[in-house]
Amino acid sequence: MKRFLLVLVILVVVAGTVFAQASHPKGLGIGVLWRSNMVWGGSGFNGNAALSLKLPSMPIFWAINFDGGNNYLYIGVSGDNYLMGGHLTSNILFWYLGLGGYVGLSTWNNQKNNSGDASISLGARLPVGLSLQLLERILEVFVEIAPSLGVSFWTSGQGGVHFPDGSLGIAIGLRVWIK
């Protein structure tokens, strides 16, 4: 499985240098998305909202999310470069394939020994999605799946380094493009 994912990532990078970048509006893109992840290793699903941001000066589509509750805090950032894509119907429905990365920080209170625990995770993402671009490409609705593979570092509790660490992410979102 690890070799398959590595070969897939290499093929995407090579293909991305041959094909043009995915077709998305130019300018500042800002919006929201809801993301759910099926975490590998049997941890189940988790989900949260995120800020979606595309700055005109860089080719990266960012997602910034915060999640928290009683004795728990998560801060995460992902950035994806959409390497290839094209239109599927007329000029409003597009597909894309990208390559990106993520980093996340979790802290929580361990009730068993009344101590604070933390984890840092980082890794690679492979987003594949559909983008519906409406109102002369000012409004974008998108849906994507993004398998990820990485490593996480834990303090106390489960302690140590966990590899592989990853998930199958599903996201749906809305962006407004300011040209």
N, C-alpha and C. Protein backbone atom coordinates (compact mmCIF):
# COMPACT_ATOMS: atom_id res chain seq x y z
N MET A 1 0.83 -1.19 0.00
CA MET A 1 0.00 0.00 0.00
C MET A 1 0.87 1.26 0.00
N LYS A 2 1.94 1.25 0.80
CA LYS A 2 2.83 2.41 0.86
C LYS A 2 3.50 2.65 -0.49
N ARG A 3 3.95 1.57 -1.13
CA ARG A 3 4.59 1.71 -2.44
C ARG A 3 3.61 2.23 -3.48
N PHE A 4 2.39 1.72 -3.44
CA PHE A 4 1.38 2.17 -4.39
C PHE A 4 1.14 3.67 -4.25
N LEU A 5 0.99 4.16 -3.02
CA LEU A 5 0.77 5.59 -2.80
C LEU A 5 1.97 6.41 -3.25
N LEU A 6 3.17 5.92 -3.00
CA LEU A 6 4.38 6.64 -3.42
C LEU A 6 4.44 6.73 -4.94
N VAL A 7 4.17 5.63 -5.64
CA VAL A 7 4.17 5.63 -7.10
C VAL A 7 3.08 6.58 -7.62
N LEU A 8 1.91 6.57 -7.01
CA LEU A 8 0.82 7.44 -7.42
C LEU A 8 1.21 8.91 -7.26
N VAL A 9 1.83 9.27 -6.16
CA VAL A 9 2.27 10.65 -5.93
C VAL A 9 3.30 11.06 -6.98
N ILE A 10 4.25 10.20 -7.28
CA ILE A 10 5.27 10.51 -8.28
C ILE A 10 4.63 10.70 -9.65
N LEU A 11 3.69 9.85 -10.03
CA LEU A 11 3.00 9.99 -11.31
C LEU A 11 2.23 11.31 -11.40
N VAL A 12 1.60 11.71 -10.32
CA VAL A 12 0.87 12.98 -10.32
C VAL A 12 1.81 14.15 -10.51
N VAL A 13 2.95 14.13 -9.83
CA VAL A 13 3.92 15.22 -9.97
C VAL A 13 4.45 15.29 -11.39
N VAL A 14 4.80 14.14 -11.98
CA VAL A 14 5.31 14.12 -13.35
C VAL A 14 4.24 14.60 -14.32
N ALA A 15 3.01 14.10 -14.16
CA ALA A 15 1.92 14.53 -15.03
C ALA A 15 1.65 16.02 -14.88
N GLY A 16 1.80 16.54 -13.69
CA GLY A 16 1.56 17.96 -13.44
C GLY A 16 2.55 18.85 -14.17
N THR A 17 3.74 18.34 -14.44
CA THR A 17 4.70 19.15 -15.19
C THR A 17 4.41 19.13 -16.68
N VAL A 18 3.67 18.14 -17.14
CA VAL A 18 3.36 18.01 -18.56
C VAL A 18 2.07 18.76 -18.91
N PHE A 19 1.05 18.66 -18.08
CA PHE A 19 -0.24 19.27 -18.36
C PHE A 19 -0.33 20.67 -17.78
N ALA A 20 -1.26 21.46 -18.30
CA ALA A 20 -1.48 22.80 -17.77
C ALA A 20 -2.15 22.71 -16.41
N GLN A 21 -2.04 23.79 -15.64
CA GLN A 21 -2.70 23.81 -14.34
C GLN A 21 -4.21 23.78 -14.52
N ALA A 22 -4.90 23.34 -13.48
CA ALA A 22 -6.35 23.25 -13.51
C ALA A 22 -6.96 24.62 -13.73
N SER A 23 -8.12 24.63 -14.37
CA SER A 23 -8.79 25.89 -14.70
C SER A 23 -9.62 26.38 -13.51
N HIS A 24 -9.16 27.45 -12.91
CA HIS A 24 -9.90 28.10 -11.82
C HIS A 24 -9.88 29.60 -12.08
N PRO A 25 -10.85 30.32 -11.54
CA PRO A 25 -10.86 31.77 -11.73
C PRO A 25 -9.59 32.42 -11.21
N LYS A 26 -9.29 33.57 -11.74
CA LYS A 26 -8.13 34.34 -11.28
C LYS A 26 -8.58 35.30 -10.19
N GLY A 27 -7.65 35.75 -9.37
CA GLY A 27 -7.96 36.70 -8.32
C GLY A 27 -7.94 36.06 -6.95
N LEU A 28 -8.63 36.70 -6.02
CA LEU A 28 -8.72 36.24 -4.64
C LEU A 28 -9.95 35.35 -4.49
N GLY A 29 -9.75 34.14 -4.00
CA GLY A 29 -10.85 33.23 -3.72
C GLY A 29 -10.98 33.05 -2.22
N ILE A 30 -12.16 33.28 -1.68
CA ILE A 30 -12.36 33.13 -0.24
C ILE A 30 -13.71 32.46 -0.01
N GLY A 31 -13.74 31.55 0.96
CA GLY A 31 -14.98 30.84 1.22
C GLY A 31 -14.88 29.94 2.44
N VAL A 32 -15.80 29.00 2.51
CA VAL A 32 -15.84 28.05 3.62
C VAL A 32 -15.97 26.65 3.04
N LEU A 33 -15.54 25.68 3.82
CA LEU A 33 -15.74 24.30 3.43
C LEU A 33 -16.00 23.48 4.67
N TRP A 34 -16.65 22.36 4.45
CA TRP A 34 -16.85 21.40 5.53
C TRP A 34 -16.11 20.15 5.13
N ARG A 35 -15.29 19.65 6.03
CA ARG A 35 -14.42 18.52 5.74
C ARG A 35 -14.68 17.41 6.74
N SER A 36 -14.75 16.19 6.24
CA SER A 36 -14.87 15.02 7.09
C SER A 36 -13.76 14.06 6.71
N ASN A 37 -13.14 13.45 7.70
CA ASN A 37 -12.04 12.53 7.45
C ASN A 37 -12.33 11.17 8.06
N MET A 38 -12.12 10.13 7.28
CA MET A 38 -12.14 8.78 7.81
C MET A 38 -10.69 8.47 8.14
N VAL A 39 -10.36 8.49 9.41
CA VAL A 39 -8.98 8.36 9.86
C VAL A 39 -8.54 6.91 9.76
N TRP A 40 -7.36 6.67 9.19
CA TRP A 40 -6.82 5.32 9.10
C TRP A 40 -6.46 4.84 10.48
N GLY A 41 -6.60 3.58 10.71
CA GLY A 41 -6.25 3.01 12.00
C GLY A 41 -7.46 2.86 12.90
N GLY A 42 -8.66 3.03 12.35
CA GLY A 42 -9.86 2.74 13.10
C GLY A 42 -10.34 3.82 14.06
N SER A 43 -9.86 5.05 13.91
CA SER A 43 -10.29 6.12 14.82
C SER A 43 -11.65 6.68 14.46
N GLY A 44 -12.21 6.25 13.34
CA GLY A 44 -13.54 6.72 12.95
C GLY A 44 -13.50 7.99 12.15
N PHE A 45 -14.64 8.70 12.13
CA PHE A 45 -14.76 9.94 11.37
C PHE A 45 -14.60 11.13 12.29
N ASN A 46 -14.03 12.19 11.73
CA ASN A 46 -14.09 13.48 12.40
C ASN A 46 -14.37 14.53 11.32
N GLY A 47 -14.94 15.62 11.69
CA GLY A 47 -15.27 16.64 10.70
C GLY A 47 -15.28 18.01 11.31
N ASN A 48 -15.04 19.01 10.46
CA ASN A 48 -15.07 20.38 10.94
C ASN A 48 -15.16 21.34 9.76
N ALA A 49 -15.43 22.58 10.07
CA ALA A 49 -15.49 23.63 9.06
C ALA A 49 -14.11 24.26 8.93
N ALA A 50 -13.87 24.86 7.77
CA ALA A 50 -12.57 25.50 7.53
C ALA A 50 -12.76 26.73 6.66
N LEU A 51 -11.82 27.63 6.76
CA LEU A 51 -11.74 28.77 5.87
C LEU A 51 -11.00 28.32 4.61
N SER A 52 -11.55 28.61 3.45
CA SER A 52 -10.91 28.30 2.18
C SER A 52 -10.36 29.60 1.61
N LEU A 53 -9.09 29.57 1.19
CA LEU A 53 -8.44 30.80 0.74
C LEU A 53 -7.51 30.51 -0.42
N LYS A 54 -7.62 31.32 -1.47
CA LYS A 54 -6.70 31.25 -2.62
C LYS A 54 -6.24 32.67 -2.89
N LEU A 55 -4.96 32.92 -2.60
CA LEU A 55 -4.37 34.23 -2.83
C LEU A 55 -3.94 34.35 -4.29
N PRO A 56 -4.11 35.53 -4.90
CA PRO A 56 -3.74 35.68 -6.31
C PRO A 56 -2.25 35.51 -6.58
N SER A 57 -1.42 35.73 -5.59
CA SER A 57 0.03 35.73 -5.80
C SER A 57 0.67 34.34 -5.71
N MET A 58 -0.08 33.31 -5.33
CA MET A 58 0.50 31.97 -5.23
C MET A 58 -0.48 30.92 -5.75
N PRO A 59 0.05 29.78 -6.24
CA PRO A 59 -0.80 28.76 -6.84
C PRO A 59 -1.41 27.78 -5.83
N ILE A 60 -1.40 28.11 -4.57
CA ILE A 60 -1.84 27.19 -3.52
C ILE A 60 -3.26 27.52 -3.06
N PHE A 61 -4.10 26.48 -2.94
CA PHE A 61 -5.44 26.61 -2.36
C PHE A 61 -5.31 26.18 -0.90
N TRP A 62 -5.57 27.10 0.03
CA TRP A 62 -5.39 26.87 1.46
C TRP A 62 -6.71 26.52 2.13
N ALA A 63 -6.64 25.71 3.17
CA ALA A 63 -7.76 25.46 4.08
C ALA A 63 -7.21 25.59 5.49
N ILE A 64 -7.84 26.42 6.29
CA ILE A 64 -7.40 26.69 7.66
C ILE A 64 -8.56 26.36 8.58
N ASN A 65 -8.34 25.44 9.52
CA ASN A 65 -9.46 25.06 10.37
C ASN A 65 -9.07 24.99 11.84
N PHE A 66 -10.06 25.27 12.65
CA PHE A 66 -9.95 25.21 14.11
C PHE A 66 -11.10 24.33 14.60
N ASP A 67 -10.83 23.55 15.60
CA ASP A 67 -11.86 22.73 16.20
C ASP A 67 -11.55 22.66 17.69
N GLY A 68 -12.55 22.65 18.49
CA GLY A 68 -12.30 22.60 19.92
C GLY A 68 -13.53 22.22 20.70
N GLY A 69 -13.31 21.96 21.93
CA GLY A 69 -14.38 21.59 22.83
C GLY A 69 -13.84 21.64 24.24
N ASN A 70 -14.55 20.99 25.12
CA ASN A 70 -14.12 20.92 26.50
C ASN A 70 -12.80 20.15 26.57
N ASN A 71 -11.74 20.81 26.96
CA ASN A 71 -10.41 20.20 27.12
C ASN A 71 -9.77 19.74 25.81
N TYR A 72 -10.14 20.32 24.66
CA TYR A 72 -9.61 19.88 23.38
C TYR A 72 -9.46 21.07 22.44
N LEU A 73 -8.35 21.10 21.67
CA LEU A 73 -8.14 22.14 20.66
C LEU A 73 -7.38 21.55 19.49
N TYR A 74 -7.84 21.86 18.27
CA TYR A 74 -7.15 21.42 17.06
C TYR A 74 -7.01 22.62 16.13
N ILE A 75 -5.81 22.79 15.57
CA ILE A 75 -5.54 23.81 14.56
C ILE A 75 -4.87 23.09 13.40
N GLY A 76 -5.41 23.28 12.19
CA GLY A 76 -4.85 22.61 11.03
C GLY A 76 -4.78 23.51 9.82
N VAL A 77 -3.79 23.26 8.97
CA VAL A 77 -3.63 23.99 7.72
C VAL A 77 -3.29 22.98 6.63
N SER A 78 -3.95 23.10 5.50
CA SER A 78 -3.56 22.31 4.34
C SER A 78 -3.41 23.26 3.16
N GLY A 79 -2.53 22.90 2.26
CA GLY A 79 -2.30 23.68 1.05
C GLY A 79 -2.16 22.74 -0.13
N ASP A 80 -2.91 23.01 -1.20
CA ASP A 80 -2.91 22.14 -2.37
C ASP A 80 -2.63 22.95 -3.63
N ASN A 81 -1.81 22.39 -4.51
CA ASN A 81 -1.58 22.96 -5.82
C ASN A 81 -2.35 22.08 -6.80
N TYR A 82 -3.31 22.67 -7.51
CA TYR A 82 -4.10 21.92 -8.48
C TYR A 82 -3.28 21.81 -9.75
N LEU A 83 -2.73 20.63 -9.99
CA LEU A 83 -1.78 20.41 -11.08
C LEU A 83 -2.42 20.29 -12.45
N MET A 84 -3.58 19.66 -12.51
CA MET A 84 -4.23 19.47 -13.81
C MET A 84 -5.73 19.45 -13.63
N GLY A 85 -6.40 19.65 -14.74
CA GLY A 85 -7.85 19.63 -14.73
C GLY A 85 -8.39 20.12 -16.05
N GLY A 86 -9.69 20.23 -16.13
CA GLY A 86 -10.33 20.69 -17.36
C GLY A 86 -11.82 20.77 -17.16
N HIS A 87 -12.52 21.19 -18.21
CA HIS A 87 -13.97 21.29 -18.09
C HIS A 87 -14.62 19.98 -18.52
N LEU A 88 -15.77 19.71 -17.90
CA LEU A 88 -16.53 18.49 -18.21
C LEU A 88 -17.75 18.82 -19.07
N THR A 89 -18.45 19.87 -18.73
CA THR A 89 -19.62 20.29 -19.51
C THR A 89 -19.56 21.80 -19.68
N SER A 90 -19.84 22.23 -20.89
CA SER A 90 -19.79 23.65 -21.26
C SER A 90 -18.62 24.33 -20.57
N ASN A 91 -18.88 25.42 -19.88
CA ASN A 91 -17.79 26.13 -19.23
C ASN A 91 -18.11 26.40 -17.76
N ILE A 92 -18.88 25.48 -17.12
CA ILE A 92 -19.20 25.69 -15.71
C ILE A 92 -18.79 24.53 -14.80
N LEU A 93 -18.66 23.33 -15.34
CA LEU A 93 -18.29 22.18 -14.51
C LEU A 93 -16.87 21.73 -14.87
N PHE A 94 -15.99 21.77 -13.87
CA PHE A 94 -14.58 21.45 -14.06
C PHE A 94 -14.16 20.33 -13.11
N TRP A 95 -13.08 19.64 -13.45
CA TRP A 95 -12.46 18.66 -12.56
C TRP A 95 -11.04 19.12 -12.29
N TYR A 96 -10.47 18.63 -11.20
CA TYR A 96 -9.08 18.95 -10.89
C TYR A 96 -8.43 17.81 -10.11
N LEU A 97 -7.11 17.77 -10.22
CA LEU A 97 -6.28 16.82 -9.50
C LEU A 97 -5.08 17.60 -9.00
N GLY A 98 -4.76 17.44 -7.74
CA GLY A 98 -3.67 18.23 -7.17
C GLY A 98 -2.76 17.43 -6.28
N LEU A 99 -1.81 18.13 -5.74
CA LEU A 99 -0.88 17.57 -4.78
C LEU A 99 -0.66 18.61 -3.71
N GLY A 100 -0.70 18.20 -2.45
CA GLY A 100 -0.58 19.18 -1.38
C GLY A 100 -0.03 18.57 -0.11
N GLY A 101 -0.12 19.36 0.94
CA GLY A 101 0.37 18.92 2.22
C GLY A 101 -0.50 19.45 3.34
N TYR A 102 -0.27 18.93 4.54
CA TYR A 102 -1.04 19.37 5.71
C TYR A 102 -0.16 19.34 6.94
N VAL A 103 -0.55 20.14 7.91
CA VAL A 103 0.06 20.12 9.24
C VAL A 103 -1.06 20.39 10.24
N GLY A 104 -1.05 19.67 11.34
CA GLY A 104 -2.08 19.85 12.37
C GLY A 104 -1.49 19.74 13.76
N LEU A 105 -2.08 20.48 14.68
CA LEU A 105 -1.66 20.46 16.08
C LEU A 105 -2.90 20.21 16.93
N SER A 106 -2.83 19.19 17.78
CA SER A 106 -3.93 18.87 18.70
C SER A 106 -3.41 18.93 20.13
N THR A 107 -4.22 19.47 21.01
CA THR A 107 -3.93 19.43 22.44
C THR A 107 -5.20 19.02 23.17
N TRP A 108 -5.05 18.28 24.24
CA TRP A 108 -6.20 17.87 25.03
C TRP A 108 -5.75 17.55 26.45
N ASN A 109 -6.71 17.54 27.34
CA ASN A 109 -6.45 17.22 28.73
C ASN A 109 -6.72 15.73 28.94
N ASN A 110 -5.70 15.02 29.40
CA ASN A 110 -5.83 13.60 29.68
C ASN A 110 -6.48 13.45 31.06
N GLN A 111 -7.73 13.01 31.08
CA GLN A 111 -8.50 12.91 32.32
C GLN A 111 -7.95 11.83 33.27
N LYS A 112 -7.29 10.79 32.71
CA LYS A 112 -6.80 9.69 33.53
C LYS A 112 -5.70 10.13 34.49
N ASN A 113 -4.74 10.90 33.98
CA ASN A 113 -3.64 11.30 34.85
C ASN A 113 -3.57 12.83 35.03
N ASN A 114 -4.64 13.51 34.64
CA ASN A 114 -4.76 14.96 34.81
C ASN A 114 -3.54 15.70 34.23
N SER A 115 -3.16 15.32 33.00
CA SER A 115 -2.05 15.99 32.34
C SER A 115 -2.47 16.43 30.94
N GLY A 116 -1.70 17.31 30.37
CA GLY A 116 -1.97 17.75 29.01
C GLY A 116 -1.21 16.91 28.01
N ASP A 117 -1.87 16.51 26.94
CA ASP A 117 -1.24 15.76 25.87
C ASP A 117 -1.34 16.57 24.59
N ALA A 118 -0.48 16.23 23.63
CA ALA A 118 -0.47 16.94 22.35
C ALA A 118 0.01 16.02 21.25
N SER A 119 -0.35 16.36 20.03
CA SER A 119 0.19 15.67 18.86
C SER A 119 0.37 16.68 17.73
N ILE A 120 1.36 16.42 16.93
CA ILE A 120 1.61 17.18 15.71
C ILE A 120 1.61 16.18 14.57
N SER A 121 0.86 16.49 13.52
CA SER A 121 0.82 15.61 12.36
C SER A 121 1.15 16.40 11.10
N LEU A 122 1.81 15.74 10.17
CA LEU A 122 2.11 16.37 8.89
C LEU A 122 2.20 15.30 7.83
N GLY A 123 1.90 15.70 6.58
CA GLY A 123 1.92 14.73 5.51
C GLY A 123 1.53 15.30 4.19
N ALA A 124 1.29 14.42 3.23
CA ALA A 124 0.94 14.78 1.85
C ALA A 124 -0.53 14.46 1.58
N ARG A 125 -1.12 15.23 0.67
CA ARG A 125 -2.52 15.05 0.25
C ARG A 125 -2.59 14.92 -1.26
N LEU A 126 -3.61 14.22 -1.75
CA LEU A 126 -3.85 14.07 -3.17
C LEU A 126 -5.32 14.41 -3.46
N PRO A 127 -5.64 15.71 -3.58
CA PRO A 127 -7.04 16.09 -3.79
C PRO A 127 -7.50 15.86 -5.23
N VAL A 128 -8.70 15.30 -5.37
CA VAL A 128 -9.36 15.11 -6.66
C VAL A 128 -10.76 15.66 -6.49
N GLY A 129 -11.17 16.58 -7.38
CA GLY A 129 -12.46 17.20 -7.14
C GLY A 129 -13.19 17.67 -8.38
N LEU A 130 -14.42 18.12 -8.12
CA LEU A 130 -15.28 18.74 -9.11
C LEU A 130 -15.57 20.17 -8.65
N SER A 131 -15.58 21.09 -9.61
CA SER A 131 -15.80 22.50 -9.32
C SER A 131 -16.88 23.03 -10.24
N LEU A 132 -17.97 23.50 -9.65
CA LEU A 132 -19.07 24.12 -10.39
C LEU A 132 -18.89 25.62 -10.27
N GLN A 133 -18.60 26.30 -11.38
CA GLN A 133 -18.30 27.73 -11.38
C GLN A 133 -19.45 28.50 -12.02
N LEU A 134 -20.12 29.31 -11.21
CA LEU A 134 -21.35 29.98 -11.61
C LEU A 134 -21.20 31.49 -11.63
N LEU A 135 -22.20 32.17 -12.16
CA LEU A 135 -22.26 33.63 -12.18
C LEU A 135 -20.98 34.22 -12.80
N GLU A 136 -20.67 33.75 -14.00
CA GLU A 136 -19.48 34.19 -14.71
C GLU A 136 -18.21 33.96 -13.89
N ARG A 137 -18.16 32.81 -13.25
CA ARG A 137 -17.00 32.32 -12.48
C ARG A 137 -16.72 33.18 -11.24
N ILE A 138 -17.76 33.78 -10.68
CA ILE A 138 -17.61 34.53 -9.43
C ILE A 138 -17.90 33.63 -8.23
N LEU A 139 -18.82 32.69 -8.40
CA LEU A 139 -19.22 31.79 -7.33
C LEU A 139 -18.80 30.37 -7.70
N GLU A 140 -18.11 29.69 -6.79
CA GLU A 140 -17.65 28.32 -7.03
C GLU A 140 -18.16 27.41 -5.92
N VAL A 141 -18.76 26.30 -6.31
CA VAL A 141 -19.15 25.24 -5.39
C VAL A 141 -18.29 24.03 -5.76
N PHE A 142 -17.65 23.43 -4.76
CA PHE A 142 -16.75 22.32 -5.07
C PHE A 142 -16.94 21.17 -4.09
N VAL A 143 -16.57 20.00 -4.57
CA VAL A 143 -16.56 18.79 -3.76
C VAL A 143 -15.29 18.03 -4.13
N GLU A 144 -14.63 17.46 -3.11
CA GLU A 144 -13.39 16.74 -3.38
C GLU A 144 -13.19 15.59 -2.42
N ILE A 145 -12.40 14.63 -2.87
CA ILE A 145 -11.87 13.60 -1.98
C ILE A 145 -10.36 13.80 -1.96
N ALA A 146 -9.75 13.54 -0.83
CA ALA A 146 -8.31 13.76 -0.71
C ALA A 146 -7.70 12.74 0.24
N PRO A 147 -7.17 11.64 -0.31
CA PRO A 147 -6.44 10.72 0.56
C PRO A 147 -5.16 11.40 1.04
N SER A 148 -4.76 11.10 2.27
CA SER A 148 -3.54 11.69 2.82
C SER A 148 -2.71 10.61 3.49
N LEU A 149 -1.42 10.88 3.51
CA LEU A 149 -0.48 9.97 4.14
C LEU A 149 0.59 10.81 4.82
N GLY A 150 0.85 10.52 6.09
CA GLY A 150 1.83 11.31 6.81
C GLY A 150 2.32 10.62 8.06
N VAL A 151 2.77 11.43 8.99
CA VAL A 151 3.32 10.95 10.25
C VAL A 151 2.80 11.85 11.37
N SER A 152 2.65 11.30 12.55
CA SER A 152 2.25 12.11 13.70
C SER A 152 3.17 11.81 14.87
N PHE A 153 3.37 12.84 15.67
CA PHE A 153 4.23 12.77 16.84
C PHE A 153 3.37 13.05 18.07
N TRP A 154 3.37 12.13 19.04
CA TRP A 154 2.51 12.23 20.22
C TRP A 154 3.35 12.40 21.48
N THR A 155 2.79 13.16 22.42
CA THR A 155 3.39 13.23 23.76
C THR A 155 2.62 12.28 24.65
N SER A 156 3.21 11.85 25.71
CA SER A 156 2.63 10.93 26.70
C SER A 156 1.52 10.06 26.12
N GLY A 157 0.66 9.53 26.93
CA GLY A 157 -0.46 8.71 26.48
C GLY A 157 -0.02 7.67 25.47
N GLN A 158 -0.29 7.93 24.18
CA GLN A 158 0.07 6.99 23.12
C GLN A 158 1.54 7.14 22.74
N GLY A 159 2.18 8.20 23.15
CA GLY A 159 3.60 8.49 22.96
C GLY A 159 4.25 8.05 21.67
N GLY A 160 5.23 8.81 21.26
CA GLY A 160 6.09 8.42 20.15
C GLY A 160 5.63 8.87 18.78
N VAL A 161 6.20 8.20 17.78
CA VAL A 161 5.96 8.51 16.38
C VAL A 161 5.00 7.48 15.80
N HIS A 162 4.01 7.95 15.07
CA HIS A 162 3.04 7.05 14.43
C HIS A 162 3.13 7.22 12.92
N PHE A 163 3.50 6.12 12.23
CA PHE A 163 3.56 6.10 10.78
C PHE A 163 3.08 4.75 10.31
N PRO A 164 2.27 4.62 9.32
CA PRO A 164 1.67 5.74 8.60
C PRO A 164 0.51 6.34 9.37
N ASP A 165 0.30 7.61 9.14
CA ASP A 165 -0.82 8.34 9.70
C ASP A 165 -1.53 8.96 8.50
N GLY A 166 -2.82 8.90 8.45
CA GLY A 166 -3.50 9.48 7.30
C GLY A 166 -4.99 9.30 7.37
N SER A 167 -5.64 9.72 6.30
CA SER A 167 -7.09 9.64 6.26
C SER A 167 -7.57 9.72 4.82
N LEU A 168 -8.84 9.46 4.64
CA LEU A 168 -9.51 9.72 3.38
C LEU A 168 -10.45 10.89 3.66
N GLY A 169 -10.11 12.05 3.15
CA GLY A 169 -10.89 13.26 3.40
C GLY A 169 -11.92 13.50 2.33
N ILE A 170 -13.06 14.00 2.75
CA ILE A 170 -14.14 14.41 1.84
C ILE A 170 -14.51 15.83 2.22
N ALA A 171 -14.57 16.71 1.22
CA ALA A 171 -14.88 18.10 1.51
C ALA A 171 -15.92 18.63 0.51
N ILE A 172 -16.74 19.55 1.00
CA ILE A 172 -17.66 20.29 0.15
C ILE A 172 -17.53 21.75 0.57
N GLY A 173 -17.49 22.63 -0.43
CA GLY A 173 -17.26 24.02 -0.09
C GLY A 173 -17.82 25.02 -1.08
N LEU A 174 -17.67 26.27 -0.70
CA LEU A 174 -18.18 27.41 -1.47
C LEU A 174 -17.12 28.50 -1.43
N ARG A 175 -16.75 29.03 -2.62
CA ARG A 175 -15.80 30.14 -2.70
C ARG A 175 -16.41 31.27 -3.52
N VAL A 176 -16.09 32.49 -3.13
CA VAL A 176 -16.41 33.67 -3.92
C VAL A 176 -15.08 34.19 -4.45
N TRP A 177 -15.08 34.52 -5.75
CA TRP A 177 -13.87 35.00 -6.40
C TRP A 177 -13.97 36.50 -6.60
N ILE A 178 -12.97 37.23 -6.13
CA ILE A 178 -12.90 38.68 -6.25
C ILE A 178 -11.78 38.97 -7.26
N LYS A 179 -12.18 39.53 -8.38
CA LYS A 179 -11.21 39.74 -9.47
C LYS A 179 -10.67 41.14 -9.46
